[in-house]
Amino acid sequence: MRIANLGGRLTLLLADGVIDVATASNGRFSPDPQAAYENFDDLKRWAAAQGVPATAEFDLSTLDPATLGPPAPAPRQVFAIGLNYRDHAAEGGFTTLPEEPTVFTKFSSSLSGPVTDVSLPYGEVDWEVEIVAVISRTARDVDVSKGWDHVAGLTVGQDLSERRLQMRGPAPQFCLAKSHPGFSPTGPVLVTPDELADPDDLTLGCAVNGEEMQKARTADMLFSIPQLVAYLSSIVTLYPGDVIFTGTPAGVGAGRTPSRFLGPGDELRSWVVGIGELRQRFLSRTDSVVASASAG
């Protein structure tokens, strides 16, 4: 299935149109996209009974991007993984690879949809394209072999990062530096693993103003999505609708010589083949104030 947050409503995307789930199910399912994960197995069974195919290509260009929100808009927990690609660890100057996942959190107030304008805070804002997994059922002490059974689907994400705040002070401020408003765009859809030929090997990348900055395959991750589910669930309880940013490959701005960061007017395009793309336009604080005043 391809699941979208369309105008704040849970929607399934088919090759020939869309299904508003609450309407089509006569209220059996809530219109709230986040609520879908509380009864995800039921939703899958219902969709199959309606004849929704496992694979349903949809032309996203037929939708107004402004109507698409994050597929999981209000998770109880948002996890993020650092140093999950060998080449990204190397560009960060790490000579020893982590023996277990490096975990931090992002705040849910930073989540946004796939096509947005982002106000640049003071500092140095960097890009980090990632595969994002959404949890489908409560998970505690999950075996790696059962990891995919606890994943509703995958979507595209950007772990935007303000590097000065991130490294300021006696200890890194990962959580705050990566949680400014609009710093966690996700979308455009959530794709269930059964729709992907190999959910463990997907191509992802991003470009700034048309110049490719990152490109990799998720098969190169040090810790796969099932391994991340197993590791996290061995320490905390994962809940339906929780979000996991799974790490970024090499090519971030801070790893370049000289360093390169996002500025006003830049456009960042991020993609995962088989899922879709994000587009972010970056505004100065002044431009953001003007835009807000004009909208009001």
C-alpha atoms as a PDB file:
ATOM      1  CA  MET A   1       0.000   0.000   0.000  1.00  0.00           C
ATOM      2  CA  ARG A   2       0.882   3.628  -0.468  1.00  0.00           C
ATOM      3  CA  ILE A   3      -0.463   5.665   2.419  1.00  0.00           C
ATOM      4  CA  ALA A   4      -0.714   9.442   2.423  1.00  0.00           C
ATOM      5  CA  ASN A   5      -1.671  12.213   4.793  1.00  0.00           C
ATOM      6  CA  LEU A   6      -3.848  14.111   2.319  1.00  0.00           C
ATOM      7  CA  GLY A   7      -5.296  17.286   3.773  1.00  0.00           C
ATOM      8  CA  GLY A   8      -4.955  15.797   7.247  1.00  0.00           C
ATOM      9  CA  ARG A   9      -6.911  12.662   6.314  1.00  0.00           C
ATOM     10  CA  LEU A  10      -5.774   9.053   6.036  1.00  0.00           C
ATOM     11  CA  THR A  11      -5.698   8.214   2.331  1.00  0.00           C
ATOM     12  CA  LEU A  12      -4.694   5.217   0.222  1.00  0.00           C
ATOM     13  CA  LEU A  13      -3.238   5.962  -3.198  1.00  0.00           C
ATOM     14  CA  LEU A  14      -4.136   3.712  -6.115  1.00  0.00           C
ATOM     15  CA  ALA A  15      -3.078   3.736  -9.742  1.00  0.00           C
ATOM     16  CA  ASP A  16      -6.435   5.201 -10.738  1.00  0.00           C
ATOM     17  CA  GLY A  17      -7.265   7.452  -7.783  1.00  0.00           C
ATOM     18  CA  VAL A  18      -7.382   7.809  -4.021  1.00  0.00           C
ATOM     19  CA  ILE A  19      -9.424   6.255  -1.218  1.00  0.00           C
ATOM     20  CA  ASP A  20     -10.411   8.354   1.787  1.00  0.00           C
ATOM     21  CA  VAL A  21     -10.242   5.569   4.359  1.00  0.00           C
ATOM     22  CA  ALA A  22     -12.709   6.979   6.921  1.00  0.00           C
ATOM     23  CA  THR A  23     -15.348   7.584   4.263  1.00  0.00           C
ATOM     24  CA  ALA A  24     -14.837   4.302   2.418  1.00  0.00           C
ATOM     25  CA  SER A  25     -14.897   2.300   5.656  1.00  0.00           C
ATOM     26  CA  ASN A  26     -18.055   4.058   6.916  1.00  0.00           C
ATOM     27  CA  GLY A  27     -16.173   5.293   9.961  1.00  0.00           C
ATOM     28  CA  ARG A  28     -14.540   2.003  10.887  1.00  0.00           C
ATOM     29  CA  PHE A  29     -11.182   3.783  10.689  1.00  0.00           C
ATOM     30  CA  SER A  30     -10.405   7.271  11.912  1.00  0.00           C
ATOM     31  CA  PRO A  31      -9.565   9.960   9.350  1.00  0.00           C
ATOM     32  CA  ASP A  32      -6.494  10.814  11.478  1.00  0.00           C
ATOM     33  CA  PRO A  33      -3.389   9.467   9.688  1.00  0.00           C
ATOM     34  CA  GLN A  34      -1.601   8.854  13.001  1.00  0.00           C
ATOM     35  CA  ALA A  35      -4.434   6.623  14.215  1.00  0.00           C
ATOM     36  CA  ALA A  36      -3.825   4.237  11.311  1.00  0.00           C
ATOM     37  CA  TYR A  37      -0.844   2.714  13.098  1.00  0.00           C
ATOM     38  CA  GLU A  38      -2.860   1.764  16.184  1.00  0.00           C
ATOM     39  CA  ASN A  39      -4.816  -0.739  14.061  1.00  0.00           C
ATOM     40  CA  PHE A  40      -2.423  -1.246  11.194  1.00  0.00           C
ATOM     41  CA  ASP A  41      -2.988  -4.971  10.708  1.00  0.00           C
ATOM     42  CA  ASP A  42      -6.752  -4.335  10.569  1.00  0.00           C
ATOM     43  CA  LEU A  43      -6.201  -1.578   8.028  1.00  0.00           C
ATOM     44  CA  LYS A  44      -4.148  -3.894   5.820  1.00  0.00           C
ATOM     45  CA  ARG A  45      -6.809  -6.615   5.976  1.00  0.00           C
ATOM     46  CA  TRP A  46      -9.562  -4.108   5.191  1.00  0.00           C
ATOM     47  CA  ALA A  47      -7.600  -2.680   2.257  1.00  0.00           C
ATOM     48  CA  ALA A  48      -7.008  -6.166   0.861  1.00  0.00           C
ATOM     49  CA  ALA A  49     -10.743  -6.886   1.132  1.00  0.00           C
ATOM     50  CA  GLN A  50     -11.415  -3.720  -0.881  1.00  0.00           C
ATOM     51  CA  GLY A  51      -9.148  -5.003  -3.615  1.00  0.00           C
ATOM     52  CA  VAL A  52      -6.301  -2.592  -2.912  1.00  0.00           C
ATOM     53  CA  PRO A  53      -3.272  -4.247  -4.540  1.00  0.00           C
ATOM     54  CA  ALA A  54       0.033  -4.651  -2.734  1.00  0.00           C
ATOM     55  CA  THR A  55       1.633  -2.629  -5.512  1.00  0.00           C
ATOM     56  CA  ALA A  56      -0.283   0.428  -6.692  1.00  0.00           C
ATOM     57  CA  GLU A  57       1.736   2.999  -8.610  1.00  0.00           C
ATOM     58  CA  PHE A  58       0.325   6.506  -8.257  1.00  0.00           C
ATOM     59  CA  ASP A  59       1.164   9.724 -10.071  1.00  0.00           C
ATOM     60  CA  LEU A  60       1.899  12.106  -7.209  1.00  0.00           C
ATOM     61  CA  SER A  61       2.121  15.014  -9.645  1.00  0.00           C
ATOM     62  CA  THR A  62      -1.685  14.956  -9.794  1.00  0.00           C
ATOM     63  CA  LEU A  63      -1.840  16.117  -6.157  1.00  0.00           C
ATOM     64  CA  ASP A  64      -1.254  19.613  -4.807  1.00  0.00           C
ATOM     65  CA  PRO A  65       1.970  19.229  -2.767  1.00  0.00           C
ATOM     66  CA  ALA A  66       0.623  21.687  -0.194  1.00  0.00           C
ATOM     67  CA  THR A  67      -2.089  19.168   0.712  1.00  0.00           C
ATOM     68  CA  LEU A  68       0.383  16.441   1.732  1.00  0.00           C
ATOM     69  CA  GLY A  69       1.428  16.183   5.374  1.00  0.00           C
ATOM     70  CA  PRO A  70       3.861  13.831   7.116  1.00  0.00           C
ATOM     71  CA  PRO A  71       2.662  10.199   6.939  1.00  0.00           C
ATOM     72  CA  ALA A  72       3.062   9.893  10.726  1.00  0.00           C
ATOM     73  CA  PRO A  73       2.282  13.437  11.916  1.00  0.00           C
ATOM     74  CA  ALA A  74       2.167  12.944  15.694  1.00  0.00           C
ATOM     75  CA  PRO A  75       4.366  10.064  16.850  1.00  0.00           C
ATOM     76  CA  ARG A  76       4.909   9.431  20.531  1.00  0.00           C
ATOM     77  CA  GLN A  77       8.621   8.950  19.894  1.00  0.00           C
ATOM     78  CA  VAL A  78      11.019  10.045  17.155  1.00  0.00           C
ATOM     79  CA  PHE A  79      14.361   8.248  17.060  1.00  0.00           C
ATOM     80  CA  ALA A  80      17.353   9.039  14.886  1.00  0.00           C
ATOM     81  CA  ILE A  81      20.489   7.054  14.172  1.00  0.00           C
ATOM     82  CA  GLY A  82      23.945   8.543  13.721  1.00  0.00           C
ATOM     83  CA  LEU A  83      26.980   7.104  11.935  1.00  0.00           C
ATOM     84  CA  ASN A  84      24.997   4.359  10.222  1.00  0.00           C
ATOM     85  CA  TYR A  85      26.976   4.445   6.964  1.00  0.00           C
ATOM     86  CA  ARG A  86      30.687   3.667   6.863  1.00  0.00           C
ATOM     87  CA  ASP A  87      31.448   6.547   4.457  1.00  0.00           C
ATOM     88  CA  HIS A  88      29.559   9.088   6.578  1.00  0.00           C
ATOM     89  CA  ALA A  89      31.466   8.020   9.683  1.00  0.00           C
ATOM     90  CA  ALA A  90      34.715   8.450   7.731  1.00  0.00           C
ATOM     91  CA  GLU A  91      33.857  11.954   6.507  1.00  0.00           C
ATOM     92  CA  GLY A  92      33.108  12.891  10.120  1.00  0.00           C
ATOM     93  CA  GLY A  93      36.613  11.853  11.129  1.00  0.00           C
ATOM     94  CA  PHE A  94      35.646   8.669  12.968  1.00  0.00           C
ATOM     95  CA  THR A  95      38.295   5.985  12.520  1.00  0.00           C
ATOM     96  CA  THR A  96      36.428   3.374  14.554  1.00  0.00           C
ATOM     97  CA  LEU A  97      32.966   2.234  13.511  1.00  0.00           C
ATOM     98  CA  PRO A  98      30.261   1.933  16.167  1.00  0.00           C
ATOM     99  CA  GLU A  99      29.642  -1.562  17.511  1.00  0.00           C
ATOM    100  CA  GLU A 100      26.009  -0.735  18.241  1.00  0.00           C
ATOM    101  CA  PRO A 101      23.635   1.954  16.923  1.00  0.00           C
ATOM    102  CA  THR A 102      24.287   5.557  17.916  1.00  0.00           C
ATOM    103  CA  VAL A 103      20.890   6.925  18.937  1.00  0.00           C
ATOM    104  CA  PHE A 104      19.481  10.388  19.579  1.00  0.00           C
ATOM    105  CA  THR A 105      16.007  11.874  19.318  1.00  0.00           C
ATOM    106  CA  LYS A 106      14.266  14.554  17.316  1.00  0.00           C
ATOM    107  CA  PHE A 107      11.266  16.435  18.655  1.00  0.00           C
ATOM    108  CA  SER A 108       7.952  15.855  16.900  1.00  0.00           C
ATOM    109  CA  SER A 109       7.345  19.611  16.598  1.00  0.00           C
ATOM    110  CA  SER A 110      10.005  19.589  13.841  1.00  0.00           C
ATOM    111  CA  LEU A 111       7.986  17.234  11.597  1.00  0.00           C
ATOM    112  CA  SER A 112       6.544  18.589   8.370  1.00  0.00           C
ATOM    113  CA  GLY A 113       5.222  17.405   5.049  1.00  0.00           C
ATOM    114  CA  PRO A 114       7.210  16.723   1.880  1.00  0.00           C
ATOM    115  CA  VAL A 115       7.101  20.140   0.175  1.00  0.00           C
ATOM    116  CA  THR A 116       7.784  23.080   2.477  1.00  0.00           C
ATOM    117  CA  ASP A 117       9.460  26.410   3.044  1.00  0.00           C
ATOM    118  CA  VAL A 118      11.942  26.295   5.925  1.00  0.00           C
ATOM    119  CA  SER A 119      13.046  29.354   7.872  1.00  0.00           C
ATOM    120  CA  LEU A 120      16.803  29.259   8.399  1.00  0.00           C
ATOM    121  CA  PRO A 121      17.850  29.781  12.023  1.00  0.00           C
ATOM    122  CA  TYR A 122      21.117  31.517  12.794  1.00  0.00           C
ATOM    123  CA  GLY A 123      24.033  29.177  12.276  1.00  0.00           C
ATOM    124  CA  GLU A 124      24.996  26.582   9.683  1.00  0.00           C
ATOM    125  CA  VAL A 125      22.190  24.378   8.353  1.00  0.00           C
ATOM    126  CA  ASP A 126      23.165  21.066   6.780  1.00  0.00           C
ATOM    127  CA  TRP A 127      21.299  18.356   4.864  1.00  0.00           C
ATOM    128  CA  GLU A 128      21.035  14.627   5.705  1.00  0.00           C
ATOM    129  CA  VAL A 129      18.794  12.484   3.501  1.00  0.00           C
ATOM    130  CA  GLU A 130      17.489   9.348   5.208  1.00  0.00           C
ATOM    131  CA  ILE A 131      15.115   6.418   4.948  1.00  0.00           C
ATOM    132  CA  VAL A 132      12.488   6.755   7.675  1.00  0.00           C
ATOM    133  CA  ALA A 133      10.669   3.759   9.150  1.00  0.00           C
ATOM    134  CA  VAL A 134       7.315   3.922  10.945  1.00  0.00           C
ATOM    135  CA  ILE A 135       6.445   1.307  13.574  1.00  0.00           C
ATOM    136  CA  SER A 136       3.221  -0.686  13.114  1.00  0.00           C
ATOM    137  CA  ARG A 137       2.782  -2.408  16.470  1.00  0.00           C
ATOM    138  CA  THR A 138       4.079  -2.292  20.029  1.00  0.00           C
ATOM    139  CA  ALA A 139       7.584  -3.717  20.094  1.00  0.00           C
ATOM    140  CA  ARG A 140       9.583  -4.941  23.067  1.00  0.00           C
ATOM    141  CA  ASP A 141      12.608  -7.253  22.847  1.00  0.00           C
ATOM    142  CA  VAL A 142      11.962  -8.012  19.191  1.00  0.00           C
ATOM    143  CA  ASP A 143      14.215 -10.553  17.513  1.00  0.00           C
ATOM    144  CA  VAL A 144      16.025  -9.290  14.400  1.00  0.00           C
ATOM    145  CA  SER A 145      14.290 -11.954  12.317  1.00  0.00           C
ATOM    146  CA  LYS A 146      10.932 -10.355  13.258  1.00  0.00           C
ATOM    147  CA  GLY A 147      12.022  -6.754  12.758  1.00  0.00           C
ATOM    148  CA  TRP A 148      10.153  -6.148   9.516  1.00  0.00           C
ATOM    149  CA  ASP A 149       6.964  -7.521  11.110  1.00  0.00           C
ATOM    150  CA  HIS A 150       6.923  -4.385  13.284  1.00  0.00           C
ATOM    151  CA  VAL A 151       7.392  -1.856  10.458  1.00  0.00           C
ATOM    152  CA  ALA A 152       4.322  -0.304   8.841  1.00  0.00           C
ATOM    153  CA  GLY A 153       6.331   1.154   6.004  1.00  0.00           C
ATOM    154  CA  LEU A 154       9.072   3.434   4.778  1.00  0.00           C
ATOM    155  CA  THR A 155       9.150   7.052   3.698  1.00  0.00           C
ATOM    156  CA  VAL A 156      11.696   9.710   2.729  1.00  0.00           C
ATOM    157  CA  GLY A 157      13.136  11.979   5.414  1.00  0.00           C
ATOM    158  CA  GLN A 158      15.566  14.835   5.907  1.00  0.00           C
ATOM    159  CA  ASP A 159      17.396  15.185   9.203  1.00  0.00           C
ATOM    160  CA  LEU A 160      18.201  18.884   8.795  1.00  0.00           C
ATOM    161  CA  SER A 161      20.876  19.960  11.255  1.00  0.00           C
ATOM    162  CA  GLU A 162      22.158  23.289  12.557  1.00  0.00           C
ATOM    163  CA  ARG A 163      25.811  22.454  13.088  1.00  0.00           C
ATOM    164  CA  ARG A 164      26.882  25.314  15.384  1.00  0.00           C
ATOM    165  CA  LEU A 165      24.275  24.484  18.007  1.00  0.00           C
ATOM    166  CA  GLN A 166      24.906  20.778  17.489  1.00  0.00           C
ATOM    167  CA  MET A 167      28.548  21.124  18.556  1.00  0.00           C
ATOM    168  CA  ARG A 168      28.239  24.025  21.002  1.00  0.00           C
ATOM    169  CA  GLY A 169      28.999  23.578  24.671  1.00  0.00           C
ATOM    170  CA  PRO A 170      30.664  20.789  26.657  1.00  0.00           C
ATOM    171  CA  ALA A 171      28.428  18.111  25.081  1.00  0.00           C
ATOM    172  CA  PRO A 172      26.764  17.922  21.647  1.00  0.00           C
ATOM    173  CA  GLN A 173      23.193  19.253  21.339  1.00  0.00           C
ATOM    174  CA  PHE A 174      21.964  16.830  18.690  1.00  0.00           C
ATOM    175  CA  CYS A 175      18.308  16.832  19.737  1.00  0.00           C
ATOM    176  CA  LEU A 176      17.873  20.610  19.725  1.00  0.00           C
ATOM    177  CA  ALA A 177      20.065  21.291  16.692  1.00  0.00           C
ATOM    178  CA  LYS A 178      18.013  18.873  14.607  1.00  0.00           C
ATOM    179  CA  SER A 179      14.555  19.964  15.806  1.00  0.00           C
ATOM    180  CA  HIS A 180      14.030  23.512  14.582  1.00  0.00           C
ATOM    181  CA  PRO A 181      10.604  24.022  12.934  1.00  0.00           C
ATOM    182  CA  GLY A 182      10.513  22.217   9.599  1.00  0.00           C
ATOM    183  CA  PHE A 183      13.758  20.335  10.243  1.00  0.00           C
ATOM    184  CA  SER A 184      12.175  16.871   9.881  1.00  0.00           C
ATOM    185  CA  PRO A 185      10.263  16.774   6.580  1.00  0.00           C
ATOM    186  CA  THR A 186       8.910  13.326   5.694  1.00  0.00           C
ATOM    187  CA  GLY A 187       6.841  11.921   2.868  1.00  0.00           C
ATOM    188  CA  PRO A 188       5.468  12.131   0.323  1.00  0.00           C
ATOM    189  CA  VAL A 189       3.904   8.741   1.117  1.00  0.00           C
ATOM    190  CA  LEU A 190       4.453   5.737   3.357  1.00  0.00           C
ATOM    191  CA  VAL A 191       5.130   2.590   1.320  1.00  0.00           C
ATOM    192  CA  THR A 192       4.585  -0.800   2.938  1.00  0.00           C
ATOM    193  CA  PRO A 193       7.566  -3.193   2.714  1.00  0.00           C
ATOM    194  CA  ASP A 194       5.648  -5.717   0.599  1.00  0.00           C
ATOM    195  CA  GLU A 195       5.432  -3.154  -2.194  1.00  0.00           C
ATOM    196  CA  LEU A 196       9.198  -2.853  -2.484  1.00  0.00           C
ATOM    197  CA  ALA A 197      11.274  -5.421  -4.375  1.00  0.00           C
ATOM    198  CA  ASP A 198      13.913  -5.346  -1.618  1.00  0.00           C
ATOM    199  CA  PRO A 199      13.191  -3.030   1.323  1.00  0.00           C
ATOM    200  CA  ASP A 200      16.740  -3.645   2.592  1.00  0.00           C
ATOM    201  CA  ASP A 201      18.330  -2.210  -0.552  1.00  0.00           C
ATOM    202  CA  LEU A 202      16.922   1.126  -1.713  1.00  0.00           C
ATOM    203  CA  THR A 203      18.654   3.994  -3.485  1.00  0.00           C
ATOM    204  CA  LEU A 204      18.492   7.390  -1.785  1.00  0.00           C
ATOM    205  CA  GLY A 205      20.032  10.770  -2.483  1.00  0.00           C
ATOM    206  CA  CYS A 206      19.672  14.527  -2.392  1.00  0.00           C
ATOM    207  CA  ALA A 207      20.610  17.579  -4.450  1.00  0.00           C
ATOM    208  CA  VAL A 208      21.001  21.292  -3.673  1.00  0.00           C
ATOM    209  CA  ASN A 209      19.946  23.576  -6.509  1.00  0.00           C
ATOM    210  CA  GLY A 210      20.197  20.618  -8.876  1.00  0.00           C
ATOM    211  CA  GLU A 211      23.701  19.560  -7.781  1.00  0.00           C
ATOM    212  CA  GLU A 212      23.791  16.042  -6.387  1.00  0.00           C
ATOM    213  CA  MET A 213      25.207  15.961  -2.862  1.00  0.00           C
ATOM    214  CA  GLN A 214      24.402  12.473  -1.565  1.00  0.00           C
ATOM    215  CA  LYS A 215      23.702   9.127  -3.192  1.00  0.00           C
ATOM    216  CA  ALA A 216      23.833   5.687  -1.591  1.00  0.00           C
ATOM    217  CA  ARG A 217      22.033   2.403  -1.086  1.00  0.00           C
ATOM    218  CA  THR A 218      20.476   1.362   2.187  1.00  0.00           C
ATOM    219  CA  ALA A 219      22.192  -2.024   1.841  1.00  0.00           C
ATOM    220  CA  ASP A 220      25.304  -0.099   2.918  1.00  0.00           C
ATOM    221  CA  MET A 221      23.866   0.750   6.335  1.00  0.00           C
ATOM    222  CA  LEU A 222      25.903  -0.613   9.212  1.00  0.00           C
ATOM    223  CA  PHE A 223      22.690  -1.511  11.060  1.00  0.00           C
ATOM    224  CA  SER A 224      19.677  -2.561   9.001  1.00  0.00           C
ATOM    225  CA  ILE A 225      16.131  -1.537   9.825  1.00  0.00           C
ATOM    226  CA  PRO A 226      15.359  -4.935  11.475  1.00  0.00           C
ATOM    227  CA  GLN A 227      18.534  -4.566  13.535  1.00  0.00           C
ATOM    228  CA  LEU A 228      17.498  -1.061  14.606  1.00  0.00           C
ATOM    229  CA  VAL A 229      14.048  -2.288  15.637  1.00  0.00           C
ATOM    230  CA  ALA A 230      15.628  -5.118  17.620  1.00  0.00           C
ATOM    231  CA  TYR A 231      18.183  -2.857  19.299  1.00  0.00           C
ATOM    232  CA  LEU A 232      15.798  -0.053  20.218  1.00  0.00           C
ATOM    233  CA  SER A 233      13.141  -2.466  21.476  1.00  0.00           C
ATOM    234  CA  SER A 234      15.708  -4.149  23.719  1.00  0.00           C
ATOM    235  CA  ILE A 235      15.999  -0.882  25.660  1.00  0.00           C
ATOM    236  CA  VAL A 236      12.731   1.012  25.228  1.00  0.00           C
ATOM    237  CA  THR A 237       9.204   0.138  24.190  1.00  0.00           C
ATOM    238  CA  LEU A 238       8.367   1.100  20.620  1.00  0.00           C
ATOM    239  CA  TYR A 239       4.780   2.171  20.013  1.00  0.00           C
ATOM    240  CA  PRO A 240       2.608   2.120  16.886  1.00  0.00           C
ATOM    241  CA  GLY A 241       3.345   5.200  14.810  1.00  0.00           C
ATOM    242  CA  ASP A 242       6.800   5.825  16.267  1.00  0.00           C
ATOM    243  CA  VAL A 243       9.266   7.181  13.724  1.00  0.00           C
ATOM    244  CA  ILE A 244      12.885   6.101  13.153  1.00  0.00           C
ATOM    245  CA  PHE A 245      15.268   8.198  11.037  1.00  0.00           C
ATOM    246  CA  THR A 246      17.773   5.512  10.066  1.00  0.00           C
ATOM    247  CA  GLY A 247      20.922   7.552   9.322  1.00  0.00           C
ATOM    248  CA  THR A 248      22.506   9.394   6.421  1.00  0.00           C
ATOM    249  CA  PRO A 249      25.291   8.489   3.973  1.00  0.00           C
ATOM    250  CA  ALA A 250      28.335  10.573   3.066  1.00  0.00           C
ATOM    251  CA  GLY A 251      28.023  13.899   1.286  1.00  0.00           C
ATOM    252  CA  VAL A 252      26.784  16.241   4.018  1.00  0.00           C
ATOM    253  CA  GLY A 253      27.876  19.867   3.901  1.00  0.00           C
ATOM    254  CA  ALA A 254      29.974  19.703   7.065  1.00  0.00           C
ATOM    255  CA  GLY A 255      32.048  16.906   5.564  1.00  0.00           C
ATOM    256  CA  ARG A 256      33.121  18.934   2.516  1.00  0.00           C
ATOM    257  CA  THR A 257      36.263  20.999   2.010  1.00  0.00           C
ATOM    258  CA  PRO A 258      35.416  23.789   2.323  1.00  0.00           C
ATOM    259  CA  SER A 259      32.229  23.173   4.285  1.00  0.00           C
ATOM    260  CA  ARG A 260      29.005  24.071   2.519  1.00  0.00           C
ATOM    261  CA  PHE A 261      25.698  24.918   4.148  1.00  0.00           C
ATOM    262  CA  LEU A 262      22.194  25.896   3.057  1.00  0.00           C
ATOM    263  CA  GLY A 263      21.365  29.539   2.450  1.00  0.00           C
ATOM    264  CA  PRO A 264      18.335  31.681   1.580  1.00  0.00           C
ATOM    265  CA  GLY A 265      16.902  30.739  -1.798  1.00  0.00           C
ATOM    266  CA  ASP A 266      18.438  27.259  -1.893  1.00  0.00           C
ATOM    267  CA  GLU A 267      16.238  24.345  -2.905  1.00  0.00           C
ATOM    268  CA  LEU A 268      16.922  20.913  -1.459  1.00  0.00           C
ATOM    269  CA  ARG A 269      15.485  17.880  -3.240  1.00  0.00           C
ATOM    270  CA  SER A 270      15.677  14.492  -1.499  1.00  0.00           C
ATOM    271  CA  TRP A 271      14.528  11.152  -2.853  1.00  0.00           C
ATOM    272  CA  VAL A 272      14.252   7.431  -2.365  1.00  0.00           C
ATOM    273  CA  VAL A 273      13.734   5.418  -5.528  1.00  0.00           C
ATOM    274  CA  GLY A 274      10.384   3.654  -5.342  1.00  0.00           C
ATOM    275  CA  ILE A 275       8.969   5.960  -2.672  1.00  0.00           C
ATOM    276  CA  GLY A 276       9.173   9.573  -3.837  1.00  0.00           C
ATOM    277  CA  GLU A 277      10.831  12.882  -3.093  1.00  0.00           C
ATOM    278  CA  LEU A 278      10.890  15.872  -0.766  1.00  0.00           C
ATOM    279  CA  ARG A 279      11.427  19.480  -1.789  1.00  0.00           C
ATOM    280  CA  GLN A 280      12.450  22.180   0.684  1.00  0.00           C
ATOM    281  CA  ARG A 281      13.010  25.854  -0.091  1.00  0.00           C
ATOM    282  CA  PHE A 282      15.018  27.815   2.451  1.00  0.00           C
ATOM    283  CA  LEU A 283      14.162  31.328   3.554  1.00  0.00           C
ATOM    284  CA  SER A 284      15.994  33.888   5.630  1.00  0.00           C
ATOM    285  CA  ARG A 285      14.324  34.960   8.854  1.00  0.00           C
ATOM    286  CA  THR A 286      13.361  38.247   7.173  1.00  0.00           C
ATOM    287  CA  ASP A 287      11.847  36.458   4.169  1.00  0.00           C
ATOM    288  CA  SER A 288       9.914  34.159   6.524  1.00  0.00           C
ATOM    289  CA  VAL A 289       8.423  37.123   8.400  1.00  0.00           C
ATOM    290  CA  VAL A 290       7.412  38.797   5.143  1.00  0.00           C
ATOM    291  CA  ALA A 291       5.904  35.565   3.804  1.00  0.00           C
ATOM    292  CA  SER A 292       3.913  35.064   7.021  1.00  0.00           C
ATOM    293  CA  ALA A 293       2.642  38.641   6.927  1.00  0.00           C
ATOM    294  CA  SER A 294       1.581  38.284   3.296  1.00  0.00           C
ATOM    295  CA  ALA A 295      -0.199  35.004   4.031  1.00  0.00           C
ATOM    296  CA  GLY A 296      -2.054  36.666   6.912  1.00  0.00           C
END
